Amino acid sequence: MSLTIPSPASGTSTSASIEAAPAAAPPRTYQVRTFGCQMNVHDSERMAGMLEDAGYVPASGEHADVVVFNTCAVRENADNKLYGNLGMLAPVKAANPGMQIAVGGCLAQKDRETILKKAPWVDAVFGTHNVGALPALLDRARHNNEAQLEILESLDVFPSTLPTKRDSVYSGWVSISVGCNNTCTFCIVPALRGKEKDRRPGDILAEIQALVDDGAIEVTLLGQNVNSYGVEFGDRQAFSKLLRACGEIEGLERVRFTSPHPAAFTDDVIDAMAETANVMPQLHMPLQSGSDKVLKDMKRSYRSTKFLGILDKVRERIPHAAISTDLIVGFPGETEEDFQATLDVVEKSRFATAFTFQYSKRPGTPAADLPDQLPKAVVQERFERLTALQDRIAAEENARQLGRRVEVMVTAQSGRKAEETHRLSGRSQDQRLVHFSVPEGAETPRPGDLVTVTITEAAAFHLVADPASAADYTLRRSRAGDAWDRSQADSCGVPVPGSGSGGNGAKSGVSLGMPAVPVRRG
């Protein structure tokens, strides 16, 4: 819906002179601030797309006419983070009449009227099921001069049918499902996003094809539980079929997915990964705990032996696969014996990286009411032992990459020491972060281009490739790099000879924010 700005009332003039028409008001600017998981980041791309479709433009300065918070409710302190940010914006809004603030996402779905009570300067609150209502709610709030609250209990339109402002031109998220049918006792996601809803395969493949046509060479398939895809229309092998279909899309070079559930992970998916050339040798497989007792209390419906068996099968078919995971420390009732079981499984699993969390009580989840909630000091001490173990394993696994030739897709983001080291950054096929230098006299790649280099250094969280000469450095310019050039030209209003429109690709001036859950990367 387009935002209509009333023009000054016209009157009849008896003067012979003709007054100049008032200058058109400049378009309103927006900023989307994202907290949470990949699904939240993808939802933010939808929000940005709808705002631009309604005539808004990205804010280039510090302040925007509209600030949208896309919130997470999974982690402890999510509400503190939101209300802290809203508090900082209150004086900014007071000093800028016409500024609007909107809150959406999981915390909005959960807290609802509480947000408006705690922060009455907020203009619009919307939930996870009605992302498409954002422009209309802002329009209504301005017209009525009062806050708008709209929370639906079920999905009104699948988010992927909404306009999208992609955060990257060379890769993109593609939702294959929303919601979750699992009942993990620590997780509030099913209550906030509802039961699983699956998209039809043709719609998914059409979106992927549109991304590729716009220049993207990488997609990540998203779902709360991607490998249960097809449950809604009764096809247990729908996900493996979808992976194989992605392999038929010309120009699509890298396919990833997140996150699967071990209980529903089947051999046909492993076969599809191994036999489909553009499905990357990388798997994120959430463990959560290595204790069978804790897994039972979590209602995870698999046990450590099954989990390790999946990893063995994956590595048998895909020897160089990098496997990552999620871990929760300090679940209610977790004993030292339980925690030791987690350490044992992590040691056996040899994860390339792990996202490790301290258990936090989330109101509305069954685990919040369990007895034997652990003292903070105990949880912290276990957390430190687990991350130390995983840091060692990650460093050892990365050290095994020394001397390997890897293909790296260059990203727009650089490392913290980029100015000092003059290195660029990218992701290898197995999703490891690689910082690399360009040899003297060699051509510098663009984001989206691919370089092949030899790993020369390894640390726990990244790899380094410093080619000794141009002979050890290969650049392959890609359609994604061309799309990056177009996006840069579009953002500056400069045409690129011989290139088409950038389509849905993001412009460089747009920042949707980054996931901001408190994560310890190991």
Protein backbone atom coordinates (compact mmCIF):
# COMPACT_ATOMS: atom_id res chain seq x y z
CA MET A 1 0.00 0.00 0.00
CA SER A 2 1.32 3.41 -0.93
CA LEU A 3 1.69 6.04 1.74
CA THR A 4 -0.34 9.15 0.91
CA ILE A 5 0.93 12.47 2.20
CA PRO A 6 -1.86 15.10 2.18
CA SER A 7 -1.07 18.12 0.06
CA PRO A 8 -1.90 21.66 1.20
CA ALA A 9 -5.55 22.50 0.66
CA SER A 10 -6.09 24.27 -2.63
CA GLY A 11 -8.06 27.54 -2.81
CA THR A 12 -9.41 29.85 -5.50
CA SER A 13 -7.25 32.86 -6.35
CA THR A 14 -8.58 36.10 -7.85
CA SER A 15 -5.06 37.25 -8.62
CA ALA A 16 -3.88 37.25 -12.21
CA SER A 17 -0.55 35.85 -11.13
CA ILE A 18 0.01 32.11 -11.08
CA GLU A 19 1.70 30.76 -7.96
CA ALA A 20 4.28 28.01 -8.35
CA ALA A 21 3.10 24.59 -7.27
CA PRO A 22 4.53 23.48 -3.91
CA ALA A 23 7.57 21.26 -4.17
CA ALA A 24 6.87 17.57 -3.76
CA ALA A 25 7.68 16.27 -0.31
CA PRO A 26 10.80 14.10 -0.24
CA PRO A 27 10.18 10.38 0.25
CA ARG A 28 10.20 9.16 3.82
CA THR A 29 13.24 7.17 4.92
CA TYR A 30 13.36 3.89 6.81
CA GLN A 31 15.68 1.65 8.79
CA VAL A 32 15.08 -1.96 9.85
CA ARG A 33 16.94 -3.17 12.94
CA THR A 34 17.09 -6.95 13.22
CA PHE A 35 17.53 -9.19 16.26
CA GLY A 36 17.51 -12.96 16.10
CA CYS A 37 17.93 -15.86 13.71
CA GLN A 38 18.20 -16.22 9.93
CA MET A 39 14.41 -16.30 9.72
CA ASN A 40 14.30 -12.86 11.33
CA VAL A 41 16.92 -11.55 8.90
CA HIS A 42 14.86 -12.91 6.00
CA ASP A 43 11.68 -11.35 7.42
CA SER A 44 13.54 -8.03 7.58
CA GLU A 45 14.23 -8.30 3.86
CA ARG A 46 10.47 -8.60 3.37
CA MET A 47 9.82 -5.57 5.57
CA ALA A 48 12.35 -3.52 3.63
CA GLY A 49 10.84 -4.66 0.34
CA MET A 50 7.33 -3.67 1.39
CA LEU A 51 8.45 -0.27 2.63
CA GLU A 52 10.24 0.46 -0.62
CA ASP A 53 7.21 -0.78 -2.54
CA ALA A 54 5.20 1.79 -0.55
CA GLY A 55 7.57 4.61 -1.53
CA TYR A 56 10.03 4.69 1.35
CA VAL A 57 13.77 4.89 0.74
CA PRO A 58 16.66 3.59 2.87
CA ALA A 59 18.00 6.07 5.41
CA SER A 60 21.48 7.21 4.51
CA GLY A 61 22.17 9.16 7.71
CA GLU A 62 21.93 8.41 11.41
CA HIS A 63 18.20 9.09 11.74
CA ALA A 64 15.27 7.70 9.74
CA ASP A 65 11.65 8.78 9.44
CA VAL A 66 10.60 5.21 10.23
CA VAL A 67 12.54 2.75 12.44
CA VAL A 68 11.32 -0.84 12.49
CA PHE A 69 12.49 -3.34 15.12
CA ASN A 70 12.26 -6.97 14.05
CA THR A 71 12.53 -8.80 17.35
CA CYS A 72 13.55 -12.16 18.80
CA ALA A 73 11.98 -13.78 21.87
CA VAL A 74 14.12 -16.91 22.08
CA ARG A 75 16.93 -15.59 24.27
CA GLU A 76 16.93 -14.12 27.75
CA ASN A 77 17.20 -10.32 27.80
CA ALA A 78 15.51 -10.04 24.38
CA ASP A 79 12.91 -7.76 25.95
CA ASN A 80 15.56 -5.71 27.77
CA LYS A 81 17.38 -5.18 24.48
CA LEU A 82 14.21 -4.02 22.76
CA TYR A 83 13.04 -1.66 25.51
CA GLY A 84 16.55 -0.28 25.90
CA ASN A 85 16.62 0.59 22.19
CA LEU A 86 13.11 2.03 22.32
CA GLY A 87 14.10 4.16 25.31
CA MET A 88 17.04 5.63 23.42
CA LEU A 89 14.75 6.54 20.51
CA ALA A 90 12.11 8.29 22.66
CA PRO A 91 13.95 11.66 22.82
CA VAL A 92 14.92 11.34 19.16
CA LYS A 93 11.27 10.97 18.21
CA ALA A 94 10.25 13.83 20.49
CA ALA A 95 12.70 16.08 18.67
CA ASN A 96 11.56 14.89 15.22
CA PRO A 97 7.78 15.26 14.75
CA GLY A 98 6.52 12.79 12.18
CA MET A 99 9.04 10.09 13.03
CA GLN A 100 7.48 6.65 13.48
CA ILE A 101 8.59 3.52 15.35
CA ALA A 102 7.26 0.02 14.65
CA VAL A 103 7.91 -3.26 16.47
CA GLY A 104 7.39 -6.64 14.83
CA GLY A 105 8.62 -10.22 15.11
CA CYS A 106 8.53 -12.84 17.85
CA LEU A 107 8.63 -10.52 20.86
CA ALA A 108 5.79 -8.45 19.38
CA GLN A 109 3.77 -11.64 18.89
CA LYS A 110 4.38 -12.54 22.54
CA ASP A 111 4.17 -9.18 24.36
CA ARG A 112 1.51 -7.42 22.25
CA GLU A 113 -0.14 -4.63 24.30
CA THR A 114 2.76 -4.71 26.79
CA ILE A 115 4.98 -2.97 24.24
CA LEU A 116 2.58 -0.06 23.91
CA LYS A 117 2.18 0.17 27.69
CA LYS A 118 5.95 0.23 28.30
CA ALA A 119 6.75 2.39 25.28
CA PRO A 120 3.68 4.49 24.38
CA TRP A 121 5.72 6.38 21.78
CA VAL A 122 5.67 3.28 19.53
CA ASP A 123 3.36 3.76 16.52
CA ALA A 124 2.76 0.20 15.32
CA VAL A 125 3.04 -3.34 16.69
CA PHE A 126 2.62 -6.36 14.41
CA GLY A 127 3.29 -10.07 14.79
CA THR A 128 5.01 -12.90 12.96
CA HIS A 129 1.88 -13.82 11.00
CA ASN A 130 1.13 -10.42 9.45
CA VAL A 131 4.44 -8.96 8.30
CA GLY A 132 2.64 -7.71 5.19
CA ALA A 133 0.54 -5.28 7.27
CA LEU A 134 3.50 -3.01 8.12
CA PRO A 135 3.02 -0.21 5.51
CA ALA A 136 -0.74 -0.06 6.17
CA LEU A 137 -0.24 0.11 9.94
CA LEU A 138 2.22 3.00 9.57
CA ASP A 139 -0.16 4.77 7.21
CA ARG A 140 -3.08 4.28 9.63
CA ALA A 141 -1.06 5.43 12.64
CA ARG A 142 -0.19 8.70 10.87
CA HIS A 143 -3.72 9.26 9.66
CA ASN A 144 -5.40 8.49 12.99
CA ASN A 145 -2.60 9.92 15.13
CA GLU A 146 -2.70 6.87 17.40
CA ALA A 147 -0.77 3.63 17.82
CA GLN A 148 -1.86 0.60 15.82
CA LEU A 149 -1.74 -2.97 17.14
CA GLU A 150 -2.39 -5.94 14.85
CA ILE A 151 -1.50 -9.48 15.91
CA LEU A 152 -2.84 -12.46 13.97
CA GLU A 153 -2.94 -15.96 15.42
CA SER A 154 -2.25 -17.68 12.10
CA LEU A 155 -0.48 -16.84 8.85
CA ASP A 156 -2.48 -14.51 6.58
CA VAL A 157 -0.14 -14.71 3.58
CA PHE A 158 3.06 -16.70 3.07
CA PRO A 159 5.89 -14.18 3.60
CA SER A 160 7.71 -15.17 0.41
CA THR A 161 4.87 -13.73 -1.68
CA LEU A 162 5.68 -10.26 -0.32
CA PRO A 163 8.02 -7.72 -1.95
CA THR A 164 11.62 -8.22 -0.89
CA LYS A 165 14.65 -5.98 -0.52
CA ARG A 166 17.52 -8.47 -0.47
CA ASP A 167 20.42 -7.77 1.85
CA SER A 168 22.81 -9.31 -0.69
CA VAL A 169 22.89 -9.51 -4.47
CA TYR A 170 25.13 -12.58 -4.66
CA SER A 171 23.27 -14.83 -2.22
CA GLY A 172 19.80 -15.02 -0.73
CA TRP A 173 17.54 -16.68 1.81
CA VAL A 174 14.56 -18.69 0.52
CA SER A 175 11.91 -19.84 2.99
CA ILE A 176 10.54 -23.29 2.27
CA SER A 177 8.36 -23.43 5.39
CA VAL A 178 7.40 -21.43 8.45
CA GLY A 179 6.39 -22.64 11.88
CA CYS A 180 7.22 -25.90 13.64
CA ASN A 181 5.36 -29.03 14.73
CA ASN A 182 7.91 -30.04 17.37
CA THR A 183 7.36 -29.48 21.09
CA CYS A 184 10.87 -28.88 22.46
CA THR A 185 10.34 -27.79 26.06
CA PHE A 186 12.89 -24.95 25.93
CA CYS A 187 11.61 -23.36 22.70
CA ILE A 188 8.95 -20.70 22.32
CA VAL A 189 9.09 -20.60 18.50
CA PRO A 190 6.07 -22.89 17.84
CA ALA A 191 3.91 -20.71 20.10
CA LEU A 192 4.98 -17.57 18.22
CA ARG A 193 5.22 -18.81 14.62
CA GLY A 194 2.57 -21.53 14.71
CA LYS A 195 2.35 -24.97 13.14
CA GLU A 196 4.47 -25.81 10.12
CA LYS A 197 3.22 -24.43 6.82
CA ASP A 198 4.99 -25.68 3.69
CA ARG A 199 5.31 -23.86 0.39
CA ARG A 200 4.66 -25.71 -2.84
CA PRO A 201 7.89 -26.86 -4.53
CA GLY A 202 7.09 -24.95 -7.71
CA ASP A 203 6.81 -21.66 -5.80
CA ILE A 204 10.14 -22.26 -4.06
CA LEU A 205 11.94 -23.14 -7.29
CA ALA A 206 10.41 -20.11 -9.03
CA GLU A 207 11.76 -17.82 -6.30
CA ILE A 208 15.20 -19.42 -6.56
CA GLN A 209 15.14 -19.00 -10.33
CA ALA A 210 14.23 -15.33 -9.93
CA LEU A 211 17.17 -14.86 -7.57
CA VAL A 212 19.53 -16.54 -10.03
CA ASP A 213 18.15 -14.42 -12.87
CA ASP A 214 19.03 -11.36 -10.78
CA GLY A 215 22.62 -12.55 -10.43
CA ALA A 216 22.67 -14.61 -7.21
CA ILE A 217 24.76 -17.77 -7.28
CA GLU A 218 24.03 -18.99 -3.73
CA VAL A 219 20.79 -19.68 -1.85
CA THR A 220 20.10 -20.90 1.67
CA LEU A 221 16.84 -22.79 2.19
CA LEU A 222 15.19 -21.75 5.45
CA GLY A 223 12.77 -23.41 7.83
CA GLN A 224 12.38 -23.99 11.55
CA ASN A 225 12.85 -27.65 10.61
CA VAL A 226 13.77 -27.85 6.93
CA ASN A 227 14.01 -31.63 6.66
CA SER A 228 10.40 -32.13 7.77
CA TYR A 229 9.43 -30.15 4.66
CA GLY A 230 6.57 -31.91 2.88
CA VAL A 231 4.72 -33.02 6.02
CA GLU A 232 1.83 -30.72 5.16
CA PHE A 233 1.24 -32.27 1.74
CA GLY A 234 2.24 -35.83 2.66
CA ASP A 235 5.58 -36.37 0.92
CA ARG A 236 8.27 -37.65 3.29
CA GLN A 237 10.99 -37.27 0.66
CA ALA A 238 9.97 -33.77 -0.44
CA PHE A 239 13.10 -32.14 0.99
CA SER A 240 15.58 -34.45 -0.74
CA LYS A 241 13.61 -34.00 -3.98
CA LEU A 242 13.83 -30.23 -3.51
CA LEU A 243 17.62 -30.41 -3.07
CA ARG A 244 17.95 -32.45 -6.26
CA ALA A 245 15.71 -29.99 -8.12
CA CYS A 246 18.00 -27.16 -7.02
CA GLY A 247 20.79 -29.04 -8.74
CA GLU A 248 19.00 -28.61 -12.06
CA ILE A 249 18.94 -24.79 -11.90
CA GLU A 250 21.57 -23.45 -14.28
CA GLY A 251 23.74 -20.74 -12.74
CA LEU A 252 23.00 -21.76 -9.14
CA GLU A 253 26.40 -22.71 -7.76
CA ARG A 254 25.86 -23.07 -4.02
CA VAL A 255 22.90 -24.46 -2.08
CA ARG A 256 22.76 -24.55 1.71
CA PHE A 257 19.97 -25.15 4.23
CA THR A 258 19.22 -24.55 7.90
CA SER A 259 18.18 -25.92 10.28
CA PRO A 260 17.32 -29.63 10.21
CA HIS A 261 16.17 -31.71 13.17
CA PRO A 262 18.13 -34.92 13.91
CA ALA A 263 14.94 -36.88 14.64
CA ALA A 264 13.66 -36.35 11.10
CA PHE A 265 16.99 -36.49 9.24
CA THR A 266 16.84 -39.36 6.75
CA ASP A 267 19.26 -41.16 4.44
CA ASP A 268 17.60 -39.83 1.29
CA VAL A 269 18.65 -36.31 2.34
CA ILE A 270 22.26 -37.45 2.83
CA ASP A 271 22.16 -39.11 -0.60
CA ALA A 272 20.79 -35.94 -2.20
CA MET A 273 23.52 -33.85 -0.56
CA ALA A 274 26.24 -36.21 -1.77
CA GLU A 275 24.88 -36.58 -5.30
CA THR A 276 23.84 -32.99 -6.08
CA ALA A 277 26.87 -31.02 -7.20
CA ASN A 278 25.77 -27.58 -6.03
CA VAL A 279 24.66 -28.68 -2.54
CA MET A 280 27.57 -27.60 -0.38
CA PRO A 281 29.58 -29.97 1.88
CA GLN A 282 28.30 -28.28 5.01
CA LEU A 283 25.65 -29.26 7.54
CA HIS A 284 24.24 -27.51 10.60
CA MET A 285 22.88 -30.22 12.89
CA PRO A 286 21.62 -29.00 16.31
CA LEU A 287 22.64 -31.35 19.13
CA GLN A 288 21.49 -29.22 22.12
CA SER A 289 22.73 -31.81 24.65
CA GLY A 290 24.76 -35.01 24.65
CA SER A 291 22.86 -36.43 27.62
CA ASP A 292 20.03 -38.79 26.73
CA LYS A 293 18.25 -37.85 29.94
CA VAL A 294 18.39 -34.14 29.12
CA LEU A 295 17.35 -34.79 25.51
CA LYS A 296 14.31 -36.63 26.87
CA ASP A 297 13.50 -33.73 29.20
CA MET A 298 13.90 -31.38 26.23
CA LYS A 299 11.51 -33.61 24.17
CA ARG A 300 14.08 -33.77 21.40
CA SER A 301 12.95 -37.30 20.31
CA TYR A 302 16.44 -38.59 19.41
CA ARG A 303 19.35 -39.78 21.48
CA SER A 304 23.12 -39.29 21.29
CA THR A 305 23.74 -42.60 19.49
CA LYS A 306 21.35 -41.67 16.69
CA PHE A 307 22.93 -38.22 16.42
CA LEU A 308 26.46 -39.61 16.12
CA GLY A 309 25.21 -42.15 13.59
CA ILE A 310 23.91 -39.37 11.37
CA LEU A 311 27.30 -37.64 11.45
CA ASP A 312 29.03 -40.93 10.55
CA LYS A 313 26.76 -41.41 7.54
CA VAL A 314 27.26 -37.83 6.37
CA ARG A 315 31.04 -38.10 6.60
CA GLU A 316 31.04 -41.46 4.86
CA ARG A 317 29.24 -39.96 1.86
CA ILE A 318 30.77 -36.45 2.07
CA PRO A 319 34.27 -36.85 3.60
CA HIS A 320 35.13 -33.14 3.69
CA ALA A 321 31.80 -32.00 5.16
CA ALA A 322 32.05 -29.32 7.84
CA ILE A 323 29.41 -29.89 10.52
CA SER A 324 28.23 -27.23 12.96
CA THR A 325 25.75 -27.41 15.82
CA ASP A 326 23.75 -25.69 18.57
CA LEU A 327 24.36 -26.50 22.24
CA ILE A 328 22.50 -25.54 25.42
CA VAL A 329 24.30 -25.61 28.77
CA GLY A 330 22.52 -25.73 32.12
CA PHE A 331 19.10 -27.09 31.17
CA PRO A 332 16.98 -27.63 34.33
CA GLY A 333 18.04 -30.78 36.13
CA GLU A 334 21.30 -31.16 34.19
CA THR A 335 23.78 -32.97 36.45
CA GLU A 336 27.56 -33.02 36.19
CA GLU A 337 27.20 -36.50 34.68
CA ASP A 338 24.78 -35.13 32.07
CA PHE A 339 27.16 -32.32 31.24
CA GLN A 340 30.07 -34.75 30.90
CA ALA A 341 27.97 -36.68 28.37
CA THR A 342 27.69 -33.48 26.33
CA LEU A 343 31.47 -33.00 26.46
CA ASP A 344 31.93 -36.60 25.31
CA VAL A 345 29.59 -36.24 22.33
CA VAL A 346 31.18 -32.93 21.32
CA GLU A 347 34.61 -34.57 21.43
CA LYS A 348 33.39 -37.39 19.18
CA SER A 349 31.48 -35.10 16.82
CA ARG A 350 34.43 -32.89 15.86
CA PHE A 351 32.25 -29.89 15.03
CA ALA A 352 33.79 -27.23 12.81
CA THR A 353 31.93 -24.64 14.86
CA ALA A 354 29.23 -24.52 17.52
CA PHE A 355 26.72 -21.93 18.67
CA THR A 356 26.70 -22.41 22.43
CA PHE A 357 24.06 -20.94 24.72
CA GLN A 358 23.46 -20.84 28.43
CA TYR A 359 19.93 -22.01 29.16
CA SER A 360 17.59 -19.12 29.81
CA LYS A 361 14.09 -19.44 31.20
CA ARG A 362 11.50 -18.30 28.66
CA PRO A 363 8.01 -17.63 30.05
CA GLY A 364 5.44 -19.73 28.24
CA THR A 365 7.72 -22.73 27.69
CA PRO A 366 7.35 -26.00 29.65
CA ALA A 367 11.01 -25.89 30.73
CA ALA A 368 10.42 -22.60 32.56
CA ASP A 369 8.32 -24.48 35.13
CA LEU A 370 10.63 -27.46 35.57
CA PRO A 371 12.20 -28.00 39.01
CA ASP A 372 15.96 -27.94 39.58
CA GLN A 373 16.73 -24.70 37.73
CA LEU A 374 20.53 -24.43 37.94
CA PRO A 375 22.40 -21.61 39.68
CA LYS A 376 23.96 -19.08 37.32
CA ALA A 377 27.47 -19.80 38.65
CA VAL A 378 27.17 -23.51 37.82
CA VAL A 379 25.89 -22.79 34.31
CA GLN A 380 28.64 -20.25 33.67
CA GLU A 381 31.39 -22.65 34.78
CA ARG A 382 30.06 -25.42 32.51
CA PHE A 383 29.65 -23.00 29.65
CA GLU A 384 33.30 -22.00 29.92
CA ARG A 385 34.46 -25.62 29.95
CA LEU A 386 32.34 -26.46 26.90
CA THR A 387 33.46 -23.47 24.86
CA ALA A 388 37.11 -24.17 25.73
CA LEU A 389 36.70 -27.72 24.45
CA GLN A 390 34.96 -26.62 21.26
CA ASP A 391 37.54 -23.86 20.64
CA ARG A 392 40.28 -26.51 20.80
CA ILE A 393 38.42 -28.83 18.43
CA ALA A 394 37.66 -26.00 15.98
CA ALA A 395 41.32 -24.98 15.94
CA GLU A 396 42.38 -28.60 15.33
CA GLU A 397 39.82 -29.08 12.55
CA ASN A 398 40.88 -25.81 10.90
CA ALA A 399 44.55 -26.82 11.15
CA ARG A 400 43.67 -29.82 8.97
CA GLN A 401 42.80 -27.34 6.21
CA LEU A 402 46.39 -26.10 5.92
CA GLY A 403 47.70 -26.62 2.39
CA ARG A 404 44.23 -27.25 0.92
CA ARG A 405 43.14 -25.44 -2.22
CA VAL A 406 39.71 -23.94 -1.59
CA GLU A 407 37.24 -21.97 -3.66
CA VAL A 408 36.07 -18.87 -1.81
CA MET A 409 33.04 -16.76 -2.66
CA VAL A 410 34.01 -13.17 -1.86
CA THR A 411 31.68 -11.28 0.46
CA ALA A 412 31.17 -7.56 0.98
CA GLN A 413 32.12 -7.90 4.65
CA SER A 414 35.78 -7.85 5.68
CA GLY A 415 37.56 -8.91 8.83
CA ARG A 416 38.20 -6.56 11.76
CA LYS A 417 41.84 -6.22 10.77
CA ALA A 418 41.19 -5.73 7.06
CA GLU A 419 42.63 -2.20 6.95
CA GLU A 420 45.78 -3.44 8.64
CA THR A 421 46.21 -6.71 6.73
CA HIS A 422 44.73 -5.59 3.37
CA ARG A 423 42.93 -8.92 3.17
CA LEU A 424 39.48 -9.56 1.71
CA SER A 425 37.05 -12.13 3.10
CA GLY A 426 34.77 -14.85 1.86
CA ARG A 427 33.30 -18.26 2.51
CA SER A 428 34.65 -21.59 1.30
CA GLN A 429 32.30 -24.25 -0.01
CA ASP A 430 32.12 -25.79 3.47
CA GLN A 431 31.18 -22.34 4.89
CA ARG A 432 34.47 -21.70 6.68
CA LEU A 433 35.45 -18.05 6.89
CA VAL A 434 38.58 -17.31 4.84
CA HIS A 435 40.57 -14.07 4.90
CA PHE A 436 42.79 -13.85 1.83
CA SER A 437 45.19 -11.43 0.20
CA VAL A 438 45.45 -10.58 -3.49
CA PRO A 439 48.98 -11.05 -4.90
CA GLU A 440 50.68 -8.02 -6.38
CA GLY A 441 49.68 -7.59 -9.99
CA ALA A 442 46.61 -9.85 -9.72
CA GLU A 443 43.08 -8.61 -10.32
CA THR A 444 41.02 -7.74 -7.24
CA PRO A 445 37.70 -9.65 -7.00
CA ARG A 446 34.31 -8.11 -6.43
CA PRO A 447 31.80 -9.41 -3.87
CA GLY A 448 30.18 -12.40 -5.53
CA ASP A 449 33.28 -13.37 -7.50
CA LEU A 450 35.11 -16.60 -6.69
CA VAL A 451 38.79 -17.05 -5.95
CA THR A 452 40.76 -20.26 -5.50
CA VAL A 453 43.60 -20.04 -2.99
CA THR A 454 45.72 -22.25 -0.73
CA ILE A 455 45.19 -22.09 3.03
CA THR A 456 48.37 -20.85 4.73
CA GLU A 457 47.22 -20.17 8.33
CA ALA A 458 44.51 -21.50 10.60
CA ALA A 459 42.85 -20.24 13.77
CA ALA A 460 39.82 -21.46 15.71
CA PHE A 461 37.34 -19.15 13.98
CA HIS A 462 38.86 -18.46 10.56
CA LEU A 463 41.38 -19.46 7.92
CA VAL A 464 43.97 -17.32 6.13
CA ALA A 465 45.25 -17.61 2.57
CA ASP A 466 48.22 -15.45 1.55
CA PRO A 467 49.26 -16.56 -1.95
CA ALA A 468 53.03 -16.41 -2.48
CA SER A 469 52.52 -15.34 -6.08
CA ALA A 470 49.86 -14.79 -8.72
CA ALA A 471 50.37 -18.40 -9.79
CA ASP A 472 48.77 -19.52 -6.51
CA TYR A 473 45.71 -17.32 -6.99
CA THR A 474 42.86 -17.89 -9.42
CA LEU A 475 39.99 -15.45 -9.93
CA ARG A 476 36.71 -16.38 -11.58
CA ARG A 477 34.54 -13.38 -12.29
CA SER A 478 30.89 -14.31 -11.87
CA ARG A 479 27.40 -13.14 -12.70
CA ALA A 480 27.08 -12.37 -8.98
CA GLY A 481 30.03 -9.99 -9.25
CA ASP A 482 28.32 -8.36 -12.24
CA ALA A 483 25.17 -7.98 -10.13
CA TRP A 484 27.26 -6.34 -7.41
CA ASP A 485 28.58 -3.83 -9.94
CA ARG A 486 25.02 -3.06 -11.02
CA SER A 487 23.87 -2.58 -7.43
CA GLN A 488 26.73 -0.18 -6.77
CA ALA A 489 25.91 1.80 -9.89
CA ASP A 490 22.20 1.83 -9.03
CA SER A 491 22.91 3.17 -5.54
CA CYS A 492 24.89 6.03 -7.06
CA GLY A 493 22.49 6.60 -9.96
CA VAL A 494 25.20 5.66 -12.46
CA PRO A 495 24.24 3.34 -15.34
CA VAL A 496 26.40 0.33 -16.12
CA PRO A 497 26.85 -0.07 -19.88
CA GLY A 498 25.45 -3.31 -21.20
CA SER A 499 23.85 -4.41 -17.94
CA GLY A 500 20.24 -4.94 -17.10
CA SER A 501 18.32 -4.02 -14.02
CA GLY A 502 19.50 -5.27 -10.70
CA GLY A 503 16.00 -6.52 -10.01
CA ASN A 504 15.50 -7.36 -6.36
CA GLY A 505 19.16 -7.09 -5.52
CA ALA A 506 20.02 -4.94 -2.52
CA LYS A 507 21.67 -1.61 -2.98
CA SER A 508 24.83 -0.94 -1.10
CA GLY A 509 23.27 1.83 0.99
CA VAL A 510 20.79 -0.50 2.64
CA SER A 511 21.58 -2.01 6.02
CA LEU A 512 19.06 -4.40 7.48
CA GLY A 513 21.19 -5.03 10.56
CA MET A 514 22.73 -8.30 11.63
CA PRO A 515 21.50 -11.10 13.89
CA ALA A 516 22.17 -10.02 17.44
CA VAL A 517 21.43 -13.01 19.63
CA PRO A 518 24.04 -13.48 22.37
CA VAL A 519 26.09 -16.19 20.70
CA ARG A 520 29.38 -17.71 21.71
CA ARG A 521 30.92 -18.95 18.49
CA GLY A 522 33.13 -21.93 18.95
